[in-house]
Protein backbone atom coordinates (compact mmCIF):
# COMPACT_ATOMS: atom_id res chain seq x y z
CA MET A 1 -75.50 109.70 16.42
CA LYS A 2 -72.03 109.50 17.94
CA SER A 3 -69.36 107.36 16.37
CA THR A 4 -68.60 104.09 18.19
CA SER A 5 -65.23 103.60 16.47
CA LEU A 6 -63.25 105.41 19.18
CA THR A 7 -62.16 103.53 22.28
CA PHE A 8 -61.04 106.63 24.19
CA THR A 9 -61.63 110.35 23.93
CA GLN A 10 -59.28 111.87 21.40
CA THR A 11 -58.36 115.54 21.38
CA LEU A 12 -58.51 117.67 18.25
CA LEU A 13 -56.94 121.11 18.02
CA LEU A 14 -58.66 123.65 15.72
CA VAL A 15 -56.43 126.46 14.46
CA GLU A 16 -58.91 128.76 12.70
CA ASP A 17 -59.47 132.51 12.99
CA ASP A 18 -63.04 132.59 11.64
CA THR A 19 -65.30 132.38 14.70
CA GLN A 20 -68.31 130.97 12.86
CA ILE A 21 -66.32 128.25 11.10
CA ARG A 22 -64.58 127.37 14.35
CA ARG A 23 -67.93 127.06 16.17
CA PHE A 24 -69.33 124.86 13.40
CA LEU A 25 -66.25 122.62 13.43
CA ARG A 26 -66.30 122.32 17.20
CA GLN A 27 -69.97 121.35 17.29
CA SER A 28 -69.52 118.81 14.49
CA MET A 29 -66.54 117.16 16.14
CA GLU A 30 -67.88 117.21 19.68
CA SER A 31 -71.07 115.53 18.41
CA GLU A 32 -68.82 112.65 17.31
CA GLY A 33 -67.28 112.27 20.74
CA PHE A 34 -64.04 114.20 20.26
CA ASN A 35 -62.58 116.57 22.84
CA VAL A 36 -61.98 119.85 20.97
CA ARG A 37 -59.60 122.70 21.71
CA GLU A 38 -59.62 125.85 19.60
CA VAL A 39 -57.30 128.80 18.94
CA ALA A 40 -57.34 131.64 16.42
CA THR A 41 -53.65 132.30 15.73
CA LEU A 42 -50.53 130.52 14.55
CA ALA A 43 -48.65 131.37 17.74
CA ASP A 44 -51.39 130.10 20.05
CA GLY A 45 -51.72 126.98 17.93
CA LEU A 46 -48.07 126.07 18.39
CA VAL A 47 -48.29 126.67 22.14
CA ASP A 48 -51.43 124.56 22.46
CA ALA A 49 -49.98 121.79 20.29
CA GLY A 50 -47.04 121.62 22.69
CA THR A 51 -48.98 121.77 25.94
CA ALA A 52 -52.20 119.88 25.15
CA ARG A 53 -50.56 117.25 22.90
CA PRO A 54 -53.62 116.80 20.65
CA ASP A 55 -54.18 113.65 18.63
CA LEU A 56 -54.81 115.68 15.46
CA VAL A 57 -54.63 119.30 14.30
CA VAL A 58 -57.21 120.86 11.96
CA LEU A 59 -55.55 123.90 10.41
CA ASP A 60 -56.59 126.90 8.34
CA LEU A 61 -53.83 128.39 6.17
CA SER A 62 -54.90 132.04 6.35
CA LEU A 63 -54.13 133.07 9.92
CA PRO A 64 -53.79 136.65 11.21
CA ASP A 65 -50.18 136.24 12.35
CA GLY A 66 -48.79 134.04 9.57
CA ASP A 67 -49.37 131.36 6.96
CA GLY A 68 -50.49 127.92 8.08
CA LYS A 69 -47.62 126.32 6.14
CA GLN A 70 -45.25 128.03 8.57
CA PHE A 71 -47.20 126.43 11.43
CA VAL A 72 -46.73 122.98 9.89
CA GLN A 73 -43.01 123.49 9.29
CA GLU A 74 -42.42 124.55 12.90
CA LEU A 75 -44.63 121.78 14.27
CA ARG A 76 -42.77 119.13 12.26
CA SER A 77 -39.49 120.06 13.92
CA TRP A 78 -40.72 118.38 17.10
CA SER A 79 -44.01 116.55 16.48
CA GLN A 80 -45.55 114.08 14.03
CA VAL A 81 -49.15 114.72 15.11
CA PRO A 82 -51.42 114.41 12.04
CA VAL A 83 -52.38 117.72 10.42
CA LEU A 84 -55.50 118.18 8.28
CA VAL A 85 -55.54 121.47 6.37
CA LEU A 86 -58.90 123.14 5.76
CA SER A 87 -58.51 126.04 3.36
CA ALA A 88 -60.37 128.11 0.80
CA ARG A 89 -57.19 128.05 -1.30
CA SER A 90 -57.95 125.56 -4.07
CA ALA A 91 -54.93 126.08 -6.35
CA GLU A 92 -52.85 122.95 -6.89
CA ALA A 93 -49.66 124.80 -5.98
CA GLU A 94 -51.09 125.67 -2.55
CA LYS A 95 -52.06 122.07 -1.88
CA ILE A 96 -48.64 120.78 -2.91
CA ALA A 97 -46.86 123.41 -0.79
CA ALA A 98 -48.90 122.52 2.30
CA LEU A 99 -48.28 118.78 1.86
CA GLU A 100 -44.58 119.35 1.18
CA ALA A 101 -44.40 121.41 4.38
CA GLY A 102 -45.60 118.36 6.30
CA ALA A 103 -49.41 118.40 6.32
CA ASP A 104 -51.02 114.95 6.09
CA ASP A 105 -54.18 115.85 4.18
CA TYR A 106 -55.85 118.85 2.53
CA LEU A 107 -59.57 119.59 2.29
CA THR A 108 -60.86 122.61 0.36
CA LYS A 109 -63.61 124.86 1.70
CA PRO A 110 -66.54 124.53 1.36
CA PHE A 111 -66.62 120.90 2.45
CA SER A 112 -69.15 118.39 3.73
CA THR A 113 -69.19 117.43 7.38
CA GLY A 114 -69.23 113.77 6.41
CA GLU A 115 -66.05 114.01 4.35
CA LEU A 116 -64.31 116.06 7.04
CA LEU A 117 -65.07 113.50 9.76
CA ALA A 118 -64.11 110.60 7.48
CA ARG A 119 -60.71 112.17 6.84
CA VAL A 120 -60.22 112.90 10.53
CA ARG A 121 -60.91 109.27 11.42
CA ALA A 122 -58.63 108.00 8.64
CA LEU A 123 -55.73 110.11 9.88
CA LEU A 124 -56.30 109.01 13.48
CA ARG A 125 -56.38 105.33 12.44
CA ARG A 126 -53.14 105.75 10.49
CA ALA A 127 -51.45 107.42 13.46
CA ALA A 128 -52.64 104.66 15.83
CA THR A 129 -51.27 101.98 13.49
CA MET A 130 -47.89 103.71 13.43
CA ARG A 131 -47.79 103.86 17.23
CA ASP A 132 -48.97 100.36 18.00
CA GLY A 133 -47.64 98.06 15.34
CA GLU A 134 -44.07 99.02 14.48
CA PRO A 135 -40.64 99.05 16.12
CA ALA A 136 -39.23 102.45 16.97
CA THR A 137 -35.94 101.84 15.14
CA VAL A 138 -35.26 100.15 11.79
CA HIS A 139 -31.80 99.30 10.40
CA PHE A 140 -30.88 98.47 6.82
CA GLY A 141 -27.41 98.65 5.31
CA ASP A 142 -25.66 101.50 7.09
CA VAL A 143 -28.96 103.35 7.58
CA GLU A 144 -30.86 103.73 10.85
CA VAL A 145 -34.39 105.14 11.01
CA ASP A 146 -35.44 106.20 14.52
CA ARG A 147 -39.17 106.82 14.28
CA SER A 148 -39.50 107.96 17.88
CA ARG A 149 -37.13 110.88 17.23
CA ARG A 150 -37.88 111.25 13.51
CA LEU A 151 -34.16 110.86 12.84
CA VAL A 152 -32.50 109.16 9.87
CA THR A 153 -28.76 108.51 9.87
CA ARG A 154 -26.37 106.83 7.45
CA ALA A 155 -23.04 105.57 8.73
CA GLY A 156 -23.77 107.56 11.87
CA GLN A 157 -24.31 110.84 10.03
CA PRO A 158 -27.71 112.61 9.89
CA VAL A 159 -29.52 112.39 6.55
CA HIS A 160 -31.90 115.20 5.67
CA LEU A 161 -35.16 113.92 4.21
CA THR A 162 -38.00 116.18 3.17
CA ASP A 163 -41.34 115.53 4.88
CA ILE A 164 -42.64 113.88 1.73
CA GLU A 165 -39.59 111.61 1.45
CA TYR A 166 -39.89 110.70 5.11
CA ARG A 167 -43.57 109.79 4.82
CA ILE A 168 -42.88 107.63 1.77
CA LEU A 169 -40.11 105.85 3.66
CA LEU A 170 -42.36 105.24 6.68
CA CYS A 171 -45.07 103.79 4.47
CA LEU A 172 -42.59 101.42 2.82
CA LEU A 173 -41.11 100.38 6.18
CA ALA A 174 -44.59 99.73 7.59
CA ASN A 175 -45.17 97.29 4.73
CA ALA A 176 -41.76 95.62 4.72
CA ASP A 177 -41.35 92.85 2.12
CA ARG A 178 -44.78 93.63 0.65
CA VAL A 179 -45.58 95.41 -2.58
CA VAL A 180 -47.00 98.88 -1.93
CA THR A 181 -48.92 100.06 -4.95
CA GLN A 182 -48.40 103.49 -6.44
CA ARG A 183 -52.04 104.22 -5.68
CA HIS A 184 -51.60 103.37 -2.01
CA LEU A 185 -48.46 105.47 -1.66
CA LEU A 186 -50.02 108.45 -3.44
CA THR A 187 -53.10 108.24 -1.22
CA GLU A 188 -51.12 107.83 2.00
CA VAL A 189 -48.66 110.63 1.29
CA TRP A 190 -50.54 113.15 -0.85
CA GLY A 191 -54.22 112.21 -0.60
CA GLN A 192 -56.94 111.06 -3.00
CA ALA A 193 -56.60 114.14 -5.22
CA TYR A 194 -53.15 113.03 -6.42
CA LEU A 195 -53.80 109.50 -7.68
CA GLU A 196 -52.85 110.47 -11.23
CA ARG A 197 -49.55 112.09 -10.22
CA GLY A 198 -47.27 109.08 -10.33
CA HIS A 199 -44.38 111.22 -11.59
CA TYR A 200 -44.28 112.92 -8.17
CA LEU A 201 -43.72 109.55 -6.57
CA ARG A 202 -40.99 108.50 -9.01
CA ILE A 203 -39.05 111.68 -8.34
CA HIS A 204 -39.18 111.26 -4.56
CA ILE A 205 -38.31 107.55 -4.72
CA SER A 206 -35.26 108.49 -6.80
CA HIS A 207 -34.22 111.05 -4.17
CA LEU A 208 -34.65 108.50 -1.39
CA ARG A 209 -32.42 106.03 -3.19
CA GLN A 210 -29.74 108.65 -3.75
CA LYS A 211 -29.74 109.43 -0.04
CA LEU A 212 -30.07 105.92 1.41
CA GLU A 213 -28.77 103.32 -1.05
CA GLN A 214 -25.11 102.49 -1.64
CA ASP A 215 -25.78 102.46 -5.38
CA SER A 216 -28.98 104.28 -6.34
CA ALA A 217 -28.87 102.72 -9.82
CA ARG A 218 -28.87 99.21 -8.27
CA PRO A 219 -30.93 99.56 -5.09
CA ARG A 220 -30.95 96.75 -2.54
CA PHE A 221 -33.70 97.94 -0.21
CA ILE A 222 -36.09 100.31 -2.04
CA LEU A 223 -37.15 98.21 -4.99
CA THR A 224 -39.43 98.88 -7.95
CA GLU A 225 -42.17 96.40 -8.75
CA THR A 226 -42.63 97.28 -12.42
CA GLY A 227 -46.09 98.50 -13.29
CA VAL A 228 -47.34 98.04 -9.73
CA GLY A 229 -45.43 100.04 -7.13
CA TYR A 230 -42.54 99.67 -4.70
CA ARG A 231 -41.26 97.34 -2.01
CA PHE A 232 -38.96 97.80 0.97
CA MET A 233 -36.79 94.69 1.13
CA PRO A 234 -35.67 93.86 4.70
CA PRO A 235 -31.90 93.32 5.09
CA ALA A 236 -32.28 89.55 5.61
CA ASN A 237 -33.93 89.22 2.21
CA ALA A 238 -32.05 91.91 0.29
CA PRO A 239 -29.83 90.83 -2.62
CA ASP A 240 -26.07 90.97 -2.09
């Protein structure tokens, strides 16, 4: 039975060199109403991502002409299209490296079709929310976040954020003046497998404050809600 949750045909790009896996993925996704494009190399994947403008990329890490993490790093220099990694590499270090490179989720082979499709839909919903419900530019203090260009500046000067830091910031901005739990942030940024890794989040929040707050020890905008999570305080409500 085809999903009825999609209001228009969305395009998925498969970057996978194994012909049998690619055929299986294509059939599974087309049966759910998706338009599917497929390539077998890193280079062709980048070309197709630029020309076809897919709504989501499903990516294998072991490609004949390079590592999938390289694909994500290059893609992130010009696109924020969601990327779901499918890989036989199950080591924690591999998962972290892929997510740090800019992937949005990571699913280890072998996997169930149901879980794959659920994760695809979740990423597409998240991307649609970002497009439809939020202003392109946000200002706080001397910081400007231009989501349309994925550019962060402070006092007019570019600020380099890692992909993880940027995704945390976007999640906080999307929930301005609301408490975002640690669990929610960990799920949104790293995925369900990292719910017990709160120390990752604390480290990246600290880095964000150092880069964006006037005084990282006394933040005005990126606030801690002790024992619960974090809150982005809009400028109108921020303490002096």
